[in-house]
Amino acid sequence: MMTTDKIFILLAMILYLLGMVAIGIFFNKKANESTDNYFLGGRTLGPWITAMSAEASDMSGWLMMGLPGVAYWCGLASAVQTAIGLAVGTYLNWLLISKRLRRYSTVFDDSITLPEFFSKRFGEKKPVILIISSLFILIFFTVYAASCLVTFGKLFSALFNVKYIPMMILGAVIVLIYTFMGGFLAESVSDFFQAIVMVIALIAIVSISIYKAGGVAAMTENLKQIPGFLEFFASANPVTDSSGVQQVVNNAPVFGEKLPGSAIAVLSALAWGLGYFGMPQVLLRFMAIRKESELNRSRRIAIIWVTISMACAVFIGIIGRDLLPTTLLTASQSENIFILLSIKLLPSFLAGLVMAGILAAAMSSSDSYLLIAASAFAKNIYHSVVKKDATDKQVMRMSKITLVVITLIAIVISLNENSVIFKIVSFAWAGFGATFGPLVLFSLFWKKTTRAGAIAGMLSGGISVFVWKLGISKLGGIFTVYELLPSFIISCIFIAVVSLFTEKPSAETIKKIEIANTK
């Protein structure tokens, strides 16, 4: 039987979820007028919604659970280094890519999906790039969506002491319903509000946690006792048993000698920033803004939001180890630190609103992932390859069938409640970063990039992520570097070399590039 506190928490979360569904209902009519509206919102986003929805859809439950979990489990170094890499990547993506992609996507036949842009940018007559890029989007976004469903399951399971799998499935159903109804517009507007909820929740928990810990100085003094926990080039080393549970002696968690930092570890963390150049959920926002000139304001909004949010997320993990040192004893459990701090430090209804922040993080990403994956199949494969004479209604119907199928696959991937969100996200992030990141850069900045080079770059980057992660990394040493970095480099090399030795772009393509560059 639920306590009064749990009822108030649940009530707050239900109100939040109803609000998200209401947004989907509100935008249902406009979204379903055309595939352009459903998949890209008719290019009508303003600067605030563009910025906030891009970052909220990007960060996901990883921000609220994965990043604090890493900080709680092994200390400052890895979490801060990763956050720095992401902050720099965010800024460079908005600075270098946003305006050019907005311009190029309109010049190249008003492309409304990333695969469609690649295909038209390289003047395809046979849709090879279109198919390859769509398949990679389906693969990696299904994995990404699974990480969000794990967040749902862990959140509700930890809050209400109920079984993980039913709660994970419930979360999948909720996201599916409002993505079904409102498409890109509903997703972007809801993501805007979710970004606000997320940052308020993070700031609130950090502020109250500092007060409860007796201030930053007191917290720092306590955590200094853990070897390597507060160092930038070393990590704490939790002592665990054979099942991965940290040992506790005299009511204190046991840590071994600190793990010294390495250049490989730092490079791996900073390499996360490279992923931004290939993230479809962010790149689509660049394409969807109503005016290119408004992207300057969006960039400033985005970098401020990202910096504040990630700093708070890392701090929650750090201070959580001080306030609740023996509560979370596995790497998977450590990702619940934000949830536990919220329950312990806030009145129940406010805790429910903060929990809505975690829901916001997961929902703002999962709706983006599902919608982009659905568009990759319905618009780029079904409409462009399988049934070229399909009407808008038929494409919309196929996209919704695809939404259901992808959700079911993501549910299967998410069945293991011991999954670590950070690890799931890191693999999908590497996949997108290496498959699309180099190609985005080359397609916008090197007009000599050829269709064959584009194909070679995508295939080499995407395949390298799997080969490096599942095979080469097992060799140890320098090969343990985060798979995104070597795969990104390999993709760049393939694009450049193959482009130099294959047929040059057509005169029509070069003309469009020159038009885009002079606008």
Protein backbone atom coordinates (compact mmCIF):
# COMPACT_ATOMS: atom_id res chain seq x y z
CA MET A 1 0.00 0.00 0.00
CA MET A 2 1.37 3.42 -0.94
CA THR A 3 2.09 6.01 1.72
CA THR A 4 0.72 9.55 1.57
CA ASP A 5 4.12 10.82 0.45
CA LYS A 6 4.22 8.37 -2.44
CA ILE A 7 0.69 9.34 -3.45
CA PHE A 8 1.69 13.03 -3.63
CA ILE A 9 4.79 12.15 -5.67
CA LEU A 10 2.71 10.07 -8.06
CA LEU A 11 0.09 12.82 -8.35
CA ALA A 12 2.70 15.39 -9.36
CA MET A 13 4.14 13.06 -11.96
CA ILE A 14 0.71 12.18 -13.37
CA LEU A 15 -0.12 15.88 -13.75
CA TYR A 16 3.13 16.35 -15.61
CA LEU A 17 2.49 13.42 -17.94
CA LEU A 18 -1.03 14.67 -18.66
CA GLY A 19 0.47 18.02 -19.62
CA MET A 20 2.79 16.34 -22.12
CA VAL A 21 -0.07 14.37 -23.66
CA ALA A 22 -2.11 17.61 -23.87
CA ILE A 23 0.69 19.16 -25.95
CA GLY A 24 0.49 16.20 -28.31
CA ILE A 25 -3.28 16.64 -28.66
CA PHE A 26 -2.91 20.40 -29.25
CA PHE A 27 -0.51 19.93 -32.15
CA ASN A 28 -2.21 16.84 -33.57
CA LYS A 29 -4.12 18.58 -36.36
CA LYS A 30 -1.24 20.72 -37.62
CA ALA A 31 1.29 17.91 -37.36
CA ASN A 32 -0.81 15.57 -39.45
CA GLU A 33 -1.43 18.07 -42.26
CA SER A 34 1.74 16.94 -44.05
CA THR A 35 4.93 14.93 -43.64
CA ASP A 36 6.86 18.23 -43.66
CA ASN A 37 4.93 19.34 -40.58
CA TYR A 38 5.08 15.93 -38.91
CA PHE A 39 8.82 15.37 -39.38
CA LEU A 40 10.22 18.94 -39.31
CA GLY A 41 7.46 21.22 -38.00
CA GLY A 42 7.29 23.17 -41.26
CA ARG A 43 10.55 24.97 -40.33
CA THR A 44 8.70 27.21 -37.87
CA LEU A 45 10.71 26.86 -34.65
CA GLY A 46 11.81 30.00 -32.82
CA PRO A 47 15.27 30.43 -31.25
CA TRP A 48 14.27 29.48 -27.70
CA ILE A 49 12.43 26.31 -28.66
CA THR A 50 15.18 25.39 -31.12
CA ALA A 51 17.91 25.69 -28.48
CA MET A 52 16.11 24.18 -25.51
CA SER A 53 14.50 21.32 -27.41
CA ALA A 54 17.82 20.45 -29.09
CA GLU A 55 19.63 20.17 -25.78
CA ALA A 56 16.81 18.45 -23.89
CA SER A 57 16.38 15.84 -26.60
CA ASP A 58 20.13 15.33 -26.65
CA MET A 59 20.79 14.94 -22.92
CA SER A 60 18.05 12.41 -22.01
CA GLY A 61 17.97 10.41 -18.78
CA TRP A 62 21.73 10.23 -19.11
CA LEU A 63 21.93 13.78 -17.70
CA MET A 64 19.73 13.09 -14.69
CA MET A 65 20.85 9.55 -13.92
CA GLY A 66 23.84 8.41 -15.98
CA LEU A 67 26.20 11.35 -15.35
CA PRO A 68 25.43 11.69 -11.61
CA GLY A 69 25.86 7.91 -11.35
CA VAL A 70 29.36 8.06 -12.80
CA ALA A 71 30.32 10.87 -10.40
CA TYR A 72 28.86 8.99 -7.41
CA TRP A 73 30.60 5.73 -8.28
CA CYS A 74 34.11 6.80 -9.21
CA GLY A 75 34.42 10.51 -8.48
CA LEU A 76 35.09 13.75 -10.23
CA ALA A 77 37.51 12.95 -13.06
CA SER A 78 35.57 10.96 -15.64
CA ALA A 79 32.32 12.87 -15.12
CA VAL A 80 33.90 16.33 -15.38
CA GLN A 81 36.10 15.43 -18.33
CA THR A 82 33.08 14.06 -20.19
CA ALA A 83 31.07 17.18 -19.35
CA ILE A 84 33.87 19.42 -20.64
CA GLY A 85 34.05 17.48 -23.89
CA LEU A 86 30.28 17.76 -24.34
CA ALA A 87 30.21 21.49 -23.54
CA VAL A 88 32.94 22.22 -26.10
CA GLY A 89 31.24 19.95 -28.65
CA THR A 90 27.91 21.73 -28.09
CA TYR A 91 29.44 25.15 -28.70
CA LEU A 92 31.38 24.12 -31.82
CA ASN A 93 28.36 22.34 -33.29
CA TRP A 94 26.19 25.43 -32.97
CA LEU A 95 29.01 27.70 -34.15
CA LEU A 96 30.22 25.71 -37.15
CA ILE A 97 27.33 23.55 -38.29
CA SER A 98 23.99 25.17 -37.46
CA LYS A 99 23.84 28.00 -40.03
CA ARG A 100 25.42 26.06 -42.85
CA LEU A 101 23.16 23.06 -42.37
CA ARG A 102 20.04 25.27 -42.23
CA ARG A 103 21.11 26.91 -45.49
CA TYR A 104 22.29 23.77 -47.27
CA SER A 105 19.18 21.79 -46.36
CA THR A 106 16.96 24.39 -48.05
CA VAL A 107 19.17 24.82 -51.13
CA PHE A 108 19.30 21.07 -51.66
CA ASP A 109 15.61 20.69 -52.48
CA ASP A 110 14.29 21.61 -49.05
CA SER A 111 15.45 18.40 -47.35
CA ILE A 112 13.49 17.55 -44.20
CA THR A 113 15.47 14.56 -42.88
CA LEU A 114 19.20 14.03 -42.47
CA PRO A 115 19.39 11.01 -44.85
CA GLU A 116 17.41 12.99 -47.43
CA PHE A 117 19.88 15.87 -47.13
CA PHE A 118 22.88 13.57 -47.60
CA SER A 119 21.26 11.93 -50.62
CA LYS A 120 20.41 15.23 -52.31
CA ARG A 121 23.73 16.84 -51.36
CA PHE A 122 25.56 14.16 -53.33
CA GLY A 123 23.09 14.09 -56.23
CA GLU A 124 22.04 10.46 -55.88
CA LYS A 125 20.14 8.76 -58.65
CA LYS A 126 20.21 5.43 -56.83
CA PRO A 127 19.41 5.93 -53.12
CA VAL A 128 22.41 4.14 -51.62
CA ILE A 129 23.36 6.91 -49.17
CA LEU A 130 19.69 7.32 -48.31
CA ILE A 131 19.30 3.66 -47.41
CA ILE A 132 22.61 3.27 -45.53
CA SER A 133 22.11 6.38 -43.41
CA SER A 134 18.50 5.42 -42.66
CA LEU A 135 19.51 1.94 -41.54
CA PHE A 136 22.19 3.30 -39.23
CA ILE A 137 19.64 5.71 -37.75
CA LEU A 138 17.24 2.82 -37.13
CA ILE A 139 19.94 0.75 -35.42
CA PHE A 140 21.45 3.41 -33.16
CA PHE A 141 18.22 5.20 -32.29
CA THR A 142 16.63 1.93 -31.24
CA VAL A 143 19.54 1.46 -28.82
CA TYR A 144 19.20 5.08 -27.71
CA ALA A 145 15.46 4.69 -27.11
CA ALA A 146 16.23 1.62 -25.01
CA SER A 147 18.41 3.75 -22.68
CA CYS A 148 15.43 6.05 -22.10
CA LEU A 149 13.16 3.12 -21.29
CA VAL A 150 15.72 1.86 -18.77
CA THR A 151 15.48 5.32 -17.17
CA PHE A 152 11.69 4.98 -16.93
CA GLY A 153 11.91 1.53 -15.41
CA LYS A 154 14.57 2.47 -12.85
CA LEU A 155 12.75 5.64 -11.86
CA PHE A 156 9.35 4.10 -11.16
CA SER A 157 10.84 0.95 -9.65
CA ALA A 158 12.98 2.95 -7.21
CA LEU A 159 10.16 5.34 -6.32
CA PHE A 160 7.29 2.97 -5.76
CA ASN A 161 9.05 -0.33 -5.05
CA VAL A 162 7.36 -2.02 -7.98
CA LYS A 163 8.70 -4.36 -10.62
CA TYR A 164 11.01 -2.84 -13.21
CA ILE A 165 9.63 -4.36 -16.42
CA PRO A 166 5.97 -3.21 -16.14
CA MET A 167 7.13 0.33 -15.33
CA MET A 168 9.54 0.38 -18.24
CA ILE A 169 6.77 -0.73 -20.59
CA LEU A 170 4.41 1.91 -19.17
CA GLY A 171 6.96 4.59 -19.98
CA ALA A 172 7.26 3.29 -23.53
CA VAL A 173 3.49 3.45 -24.01
CA ILE A 174 3.25 7.04 -22.72
CA VAL A 175 5.98 8.31 -25.04
CA LEU A 176 4.52 6.41 -27.98
CA ILE A 177 1.08 7.97 -27.47
CA TYR A 178 2.11 11.60 -27.61
CA THR A 179 4.76 11.09 -30.30
CA PHE A 180 2.01 9.42 -32.34
CA MET A 181 -0.23 12.43 -32.04
CA GLY A 182 1.91 15.54 -32.30
CA GLY A 183 5.00 14.70 -34.31
CA PHE A 184 7.97 17.06 -34.42
CA LEU A 185 6.06 20.17 -33.29
CA ALA A 186 4.67 18.50 -30.17
CA GLU A 187 8.04 16.94 -29.49
CA SER A 188 9.89 20.27 -29.80
CA VAL A 189 7.45 22.30 -27.71
CA SER A 190 7.27 19.63 -25.01
CA ASP A 191 11.07 19.38 -25.05
CA PHE A 192 11.24 23.13 -24.44
CA PHE A 193 9.16 22.80 -21.27
CA GLN A 194 11.03 19.67 -20.29
CA ALA A 195 14.35 21.51 -20.56
CA ILE A 196 13.02 24.11 -18.13
CA VAL A 197 11.84 21.43 -15.70
CA MET A 198 15.16 19.61 -15.95
CA VAL A 199 17.37 22.61 -15.15
CA ILE A 200 15.13 23.79 -12.29
CA ALA A 201 15.16 20.29 -10.78
CA LEU A 202 18.94 20.04 -11.02
CA ILE A 203 19.57 23.46 -9.50
CA ALA A 204 17.07 22.81 -6.70
CA ILE A 205 18.64 19.51 -5.62
CA VAL A 206 22.17 20.90 -5.78
CA SER A 207 21.26 23.91 -3.64
CA ILE A 208 19.42 21.92 -0.97
CA SER A 209 22.10 19.19 -0.95
CA ILE A 210 24.85 21.74 -0.26
CA TYR A 211 22.83 23.10 2.65
CA LYS A 212 22.21 19.61 4.09
CA ALA A 213 25.91 18.73 3.76
CA GLY A 214 26.91 21.79 5.78
CA GLY A 215 28.38 23.65 2.84
CA VAL A 216 30.90 22.92 0.11
CA ALA A 217 33.88 23.06 2.50
CA ALA A 218 32.43 20.41 4.83
CA MET A 219 31.51 18.16 1.94
CA THR A 220 34.98 18.51 0.41
CA GLU A 221 36.66 17.64 3.68
CA ASN A 222 34.63 14.43 3.97
CA LEU A 223 35.19 13.32 0.39
CA LYS A 224 38.94 13.90 0.58
CA GLN A 225 39.07 10.73 2.63
CA ILE A 226 38.21 8.72 -0.49
CA PRO A 227 41.41 8.17 -2.52
CA GLY A 228 41.16 9.85 -5.93
CA PHE A 229 37.52 10.86 -5.57
CA LEU A 230 38.04 14.61 -5.96
CA GLU A 231 41.05 14.49 -8.26
CA PHE A 232 40.89 15.54 -11.89
CA PHE A 233 43.46 13.03 -13.18
CA ALA A 234 42.64 10.05 -10.99
CA SER A 235 39.54 8.03 -10.09
CA ALA A 236 38.17 6.41 -6.97
CA ASN A 237 38.30 2.62 -6.89
CA PRO A 238 35.26 1.02 -5.18
CA VAL A 239 36.14 -2.40 -3.76
CA THR A 240 33.46 -4.84 -4.90
CA ASP A 241 32.71 -8.51 -4.46
CA SER A 242 32.32 -10.98 -7.31
CA SER A 243 28.80 -9.73 -8.06
CA GLY A 244 29.88 -6.09 -8.35
CA VAL A 245 28.52 -4.96 -4.96
CA GLN A 246 30.71 -2.51 -3.08
CA GLN A 247 31.92 -3.71 0.31
CA VAL A 248 30.93 -1.82 3.46
CA VAL A 249 32.93 -1.94 6.71
CA ASN A 250 31.87 -0.10 9.89
CA ASN A 251 29.09 1.64 7.96
CA ALA A 252 31.57 3.09 5.48
CA PRO A 253 32.05 2.15 1.80
CA VAL A 254 35.39 0.50 1.05
CA PHE A 255 37.70 1.99 -1.57
CA GLY A 256 41.05 0.71 -2.76
CA GLU A 257 44.05 2.69 -3.94
CA LYS A 258 43.08 5.40 -6.40
CA LEU A 259 43.27 4.59 -10.09
CA PRO A 260 45.79 6.93 -11.73
CA GLY A 261 44.55 8.88 -14.70
CA SER A 262 45.89 8.35 -18.18
CA ALA A 263 46.02 10.21 -21.45
CA ILE A 264 43.76 7.52 -22.93
CA ALA A 265 41.10 8.11 -20.26
CA VAL A 266 41.19 11.88 -20.77
CA LEU A 267 41.03 11.54 -24.56
CA SER A 268 38.11 9.13 -24.22
CA ALA A 269 36.17 11.55 -22.05
CA LEU A 270 36.88 14.61 -24.19
CA ALA A 271 36.07 12.67 -27.37
CA TRP A 272 32.39 12.73 -26.39
CA GLY A 273 32.31 16.24 -27.86
CA LEU A 274 32.93 14.86 -31.37
CA GLY A 275 29.59 13.08 -31.21
CA TYR A 276 27.63 16.30 -31.57
CA PHE A 277 28.51 16.71 -35.23
CA GLY A 278 26.53 13.57 -36.01
CA MET A 279 23.53 13.74 -33.70
CA PRO A 280 20.34 13.75 -35.85
CA GLN A 281 18.12 14.98 -33.00
CA VAL A 282 20.26 18.14 -32.69
CA LEU A 283 20.96 18.62 -36.40
CA LEU A 284 17.25 18.51 -37.21
CA ARG A 285 16.68 21.51 -34.94
CA PHE A 286 19.20 23.47 -37.01
CA MET A 287 17.20 22.58 -40.10
CA ALA A 288 13.84 23.40 -38.49
CA ILE A 289 14.44 26.95 -37.21
CA ARG A 290 12.39 29.56 -39.04
CA LYS A 291 15.31 31.96 -39.72
CA GLU A 292 19.03 31.30 -39.98
CA SER A 293 19.76 34.64 -38.30
CA GLU A 294 18.10 33.43 -35.09
CA LEU A 295 20.68 30.67 -34.60
CA ASN A 296 23.10 33.07 -32.90
CA ARG A 297 20.65 33.54 -30.05
CA SER A 298 19.93 29.81 -29.97
CA ARG A 299 23.64 29.06 -29.63
CA ARG A 300 23.98 31.29 -26.56
CA ILE A 301 20.87 29.80 -24.95
CA ALA A 302 22.04 26.26 -25.65
CA ILE A 303 25.56 26.60 -24.24
CA ILE A 304 24.31 28.30 -21.06
CA TRP A 305 21.72 25.56 -20.49
CA VAL A 306 24.21 22.76 -21.14
CA THR A 307 26.90 24.21 -18.89
CA ILE A 308 24.57 24.77 -15.94
CA SER A 309 22.81 21.42 -16.32
CA MET A 310 25.93 19.29 -16.60
CA ALA A 311 27.69 21.08 -13.75
CA CYS A 312 24.68 20.44 -11.51
CA ALA A 313 24.43 16.79 -12.61
CA VAL A 314 28.08 16.12 -11.75
CA PHE A 315 27.75 17.91 -8.41
CA ILE A 316 24.70 15.83 -7.49
CA GLY A 317 26.73 12.66 -7.89
CA ILE A 318 29.63 14.06 -5.86
CA ILE A 319 27.56 15.39 -2.98
CA GLY A 320 25.38 12.29 -3.07
CA ARG A 321 28.38 10.18 -2.09
CA ASP A 322 28.82 12.42 0.96
CA LEU A 323 25.17 12.40 2.04
CA LEU A 324 24.32 8.77 1.17
CA PRO A 325 27.68 6.96 1.19
CA THR A 326 26.45 3.37 1.58
CA THR A 327 23.01 3.47 0.02
CA LEU A 328 23.92 2.64 -3.57
CA LEU A 329 26.40 -0.20 -3.79
CA THR A 330 26.60 -1.09 -7.50
CA ALA A 331 27.39 0.93 -10.61
CA SER A 332 23.82 0.40 -11.82
CA GLN A 333 22.26 1.43 -8.50
CA SER A 334 24.42 4.56 -8.34
CA GLU A 335 22.36 6.02 -11.19
CA ASN A 336 19.48 6.40 -8.72
CA ILE A 337 21.29 9.03 -6.63
CA PHE A 338 19.25 11.92 -8.03
CA ILE A 339 16.02 10.09 -7.21
CA LEU A 340 17.02 9.30 -3.62
CA LEU A 341 18.25 12.82 -2.88
CA SER A 342 15.00 14.27 -4.18
CA ILE A 343 12.87 11.98 -2.01
CA LYS A 344 14.93 12.60 1.12
CA LEU A 345 15.39 16.36 0.78
CA LEU A 346 12.09 17.65 -0.59
CA PRO A 347 8.42 17.65 0.43
CA SER A 348 6.63 14.86 -1.39
CA PHE A 349 4.76 16.94 -3.99
CA LEU A 350 7.91 18.93 -4.85
CA ALA A 351 9.84 15.66 -5.02
CA GLY A 352 7.25 14.49 -7.52
CA LEU A 353 7.85 17.57 -9.63
CA VAL A 354 11.59 16.94 -9.48
CA MET A 355 10.99 13.33 -10.49
CA ALA A 356 9.12 14.83 -13.41
CA GLY A 357 12.49 16.33 -14.32
CA ILE A 358 13.86 12.84 -14.81
CA LEU A 359 10.75 11.92 -16.77
CA ALA A 360 11.33 15.08 -18.80
CA ALA A 361 14.87 14.03 -19.58
CA ALA A 362 13.86 10.57 -20.73
CA MET A 363 10.75 11.68 -22.61
CA SER A 364 12.43 14.59 -24.38
CA SER A 365 14.95 12.19 -25.85
CA SER A 366 12.88 9.09 -26.48
CA ASP A 367 10.25 11.00 -28.47
CA SER A 368 13.01 12.47 -30.66
CA TYR A 369 14.67 9.11 -31.17
CA LEU A 370 11.44 7.36 -32.08
CA LEU A 371 10.29 10.09 -34.45
CA ILE A 372 13.61 10.37 -36.30
CA ALA A 373 13.92 6.60 -36.59
CA ALA A 374 10.35 6.40 -37.91
CA SER A 375 11.05 9.13 -40.46
CA ALA A 376 14.22 7.33 -41.54
CA PHE A 377 12.18 4.31 -42.56
CA ALA A 378 8.86 5.81 -43.65
CA LYS A 379 10.16 8.84 -45.51
CA ASN A 380 13.55 7.65 -46.73
CA ILE A 381 13.09 3.93 -47.36
CA TYR A 382 9.36 3.30 -47.77
CA HIS A 383 8.58 6.49 -49.74
CA SER A 384 11.85 6.89 -51.64
CA VAL A 385 12.58 3.23 -52.42
CA VAL A 386 9.68 0.84 -51.77
CA LYS A 387 6.64 2.89 -52.82
CA LYS A 388 7.66 6.06 -54.62
CA ASP A 389 4.05 7.02 -55.39
CA ALA A 390 2.98 6.83 -51.73
CA THR A 391 0.74 9.66 -50.60
CA ASP A 392 1.44 11.79 -47.54
CA LYS A 393 -1.21 9.81 -45.63
CA GLN A 394 0.40 6.51 -46.53
CA VAL A 395 3.83 7.75 -45.42
CA MET A 396 2.33 8.99 -42.15
CA ARG A 397 0.65 5.63 -41.60
CA MET A 398 3.91 3.78 -42.25
CA SER A 399 5.78 6.08 -39.88
CA LYS A 400 3.37 5.22 -37.07
CA ILE A 401 3.67 1.50 -37.75
CA THR A 402 7.44 1.96 -37.60
CA LEU A 403 7.11 3.81 -34.30
CA VAL A 404 5.36 0.81 -32.77
CA VAL A 405 7.91 -1.69 -34.13
CA ILE A 406 10.92 0.33 -32.93
CA THR A 407 9.34 0.75 -29.50
CA LEU A 408 8.81 -3.00 -29.20
CA ILE A 409 12.45 -3.69 -30.12
CA ALA A 410 13.63 -1.05 -27.63
CA ILE A 411 11.51 -2.72 -24.93
CA VAL A 412 13.24 -6.05 -25.60
CA ILE A 413 16.68 -4.40 -25.34
CA SER A 414 15.63 -2.77 -22.06
CA LEU A 415 14.47 -5.94 -20.28
CA ASN A 416 17.66 -6.16 -18.17
CA GLU A 417 17.09 -3.89 -15.18
CA ASN A 418 20.82 -3.99 -14.31
CA SER A 419 21.67 -2.12 -17.51
CA VAL A 420 23.89 0.92 -16.93
CA ILE A 421 22.41 3.89 -18.77
CA PHE A 422 25.79 5.56 -19.24
CA LYS A 423 27.16 2.55 -21.12
CA ILE A 424 24.13 2.19 -23.40
CA VAL A 425 24.22 5.87 -24.30
CA SER A 426 27.99 5.91 -24.86
CA PHE A 427 27.72 3.20 -27.53
CA ALA A 428 24.84 4.83 -29.43
CA TRP A 429 26.55 8.23 -29.12
CA ALA A 430 29.71 6.81 -30.66
CA GLY A 431 27.66 5.23 -33.42
CA PHE A 432 26.05 8.46 -34.52
CA GLY A 433 29.17 10.53 -34.01
CA ALA A 434 31.36 8.30 -36.17
CA THR A 435 28.76 7.44 -38.81
CA PHE A 436 27.43 10.94 -39.50
CA GLY A 437 29.75 13.46 -37.80
CA PRO A 438 32.61 13.38 -40.34
CA LEU A 439 30.16 13.31 -43.26
CA VAL A 440 28.29 16.37 -41.96
CA LEU A 441 31.58 18.29 -41.69
CA PHE A 442 32.85 17.23 -45.13
CA SER A 443 29.50 17.79 -46.87
CA LEU A 444 29.30 21.36 -45.53
CA PHE A 445 32.95 22.41 -45.77
CA TRP A 446 34.60 20.47 -48.64
CA LYS A 447 32.84 20.72 -51.96
CA LYS A 448 35.09 18.02 -53.47
CA THR A 449 33.54 15.35 -51.26
CA THR A 450 32.11 12.69 -53.55
CA ARG A 451 29.20 10.32 -53.29
CA ALA A 452 31.58 7.36 -53.09
CA GLY A 453 33.53 9.12 -50.33
CA ALA A 454 30.32 9.72 -48.41
CA ILE A 455 29.35 6.05 -48.62
CA ALA A 456 32.83 4.92 -47.60
CA GLY A 457 32.88 7.34 -44.67
CA MET A 458 29.51 6.24 -43.28
CA LEU A 459 30.23 2.55 -43.60
CA SER A 460 33.76 2.74 -42.19
CA GLY A 461 32.69 4.94 -39.28
CA GLY A 462 29.63 2.93 -38.32
CA ILE A 463 31.29 -0.48 -38.69
CA SER A 464 34.40 0.70 -36.81
CA VAL A 465 32.30 1.49 -33.74
CA PHE A 466 31.15 -2.13 -33.54
CA VAL A 467 34.58 -3.60 -34.37
CA TRP A 468 36.43 -1.38 -31.91
CA LYS A 469 33.94 -1.80 -29.08
CA LEU A 470 33.44 -5.55 -29.41
CA GLY A 471 36.91 -6.59 -30.59
CA ILE A 472 39.86 -4.21 -30.71
CA SER A 473 39.23 -2.68 -27.27
CA LYS A 474 39.77 -6.11 -25.71
CA LEU A 475 43.49 -5.82 -26.61
CA GLY A 476 43.92 -3.31 -23.76
CA GLY A 477 46.35 -0.42 -23.52
CA ILE A 478 45.81 2.37 -26.03
CA PHE A 479 43.08 0.31 -27.66
CA THR A 480 40.78 0.94 -24.67
CA VAL A 481 40.20 4.50 -25.93
CA TYR A 482 36.52 5.37 -26.40
CA GLU A 483 35.48 3.89 -29.74
CA LEU A 484 34.14 7.22 -31.01
CA LEU A 485 37.62 8.75 -31.38
CA PRO A 486 39.30 6.14 -33.62
CA SER A 487 36.09 5.51 -35.56
CA PHE A 488 35.66 9.25 -36.23
CA ILE A 489 39.23 9.47 -37.52
CA ILE A 490 38.83 6.36 -39.67
CA SER A 491 35.66 7.80 -41.24
CA CYS A 492 37.43 11.10 -42.02
CA ILE A 493 40.30 9.27 -43.69
CA PHE A 494 37.97 7.17 -45.83
CA ILE A 495 35.92 10.18 -46.93
CA ALA A 496 39.02 12.18 -47.91
CA VAL A 497 40.95 9.40 -49.66
CA VAL A 498 38.01 7.89 -51.55
CA SER A 499 36.82 11.37 -52.63
CA LEU A 500 40.23 12.14 -54.11
CA PHE A 501 40.19 9.03 -56.30
CA THR A 502 36.57 8.87 -57.42
CA GLU A 503 34.35 10.78 -59.82
CA LYS A 504 34.05 14.47 -58.98
CA PRO A 505 30.71 16.01 -57.95
CA SER A 506 28.48 17.14 -60.82
CA ALA A 507 28.37 20.73 -62.02
CA GLU A 508 24.81 21.01 -60.68
CA THR A 509 25.94 19.96 -57.19
CA ILE A 510 28.85 22.42 -57.24
CA LYS A 511 26.48 25.19 -58.34
CA LYS A 512 24.12 24.49 -55.43
CA ILE A 513 27.06 24.48 -53.00
CA GLU A 514 28.16 27.89 -54.30
CA ILE A 515 24.61 29.22 -53.91
CA ALA A 516 24.49 27.94 -50.32
CA ASN A 517 27.88 29.48 -49.53
CA THR A 518 26.96 32.90 -50.87
CA LYS A 519 23.57 33.22 -49.17
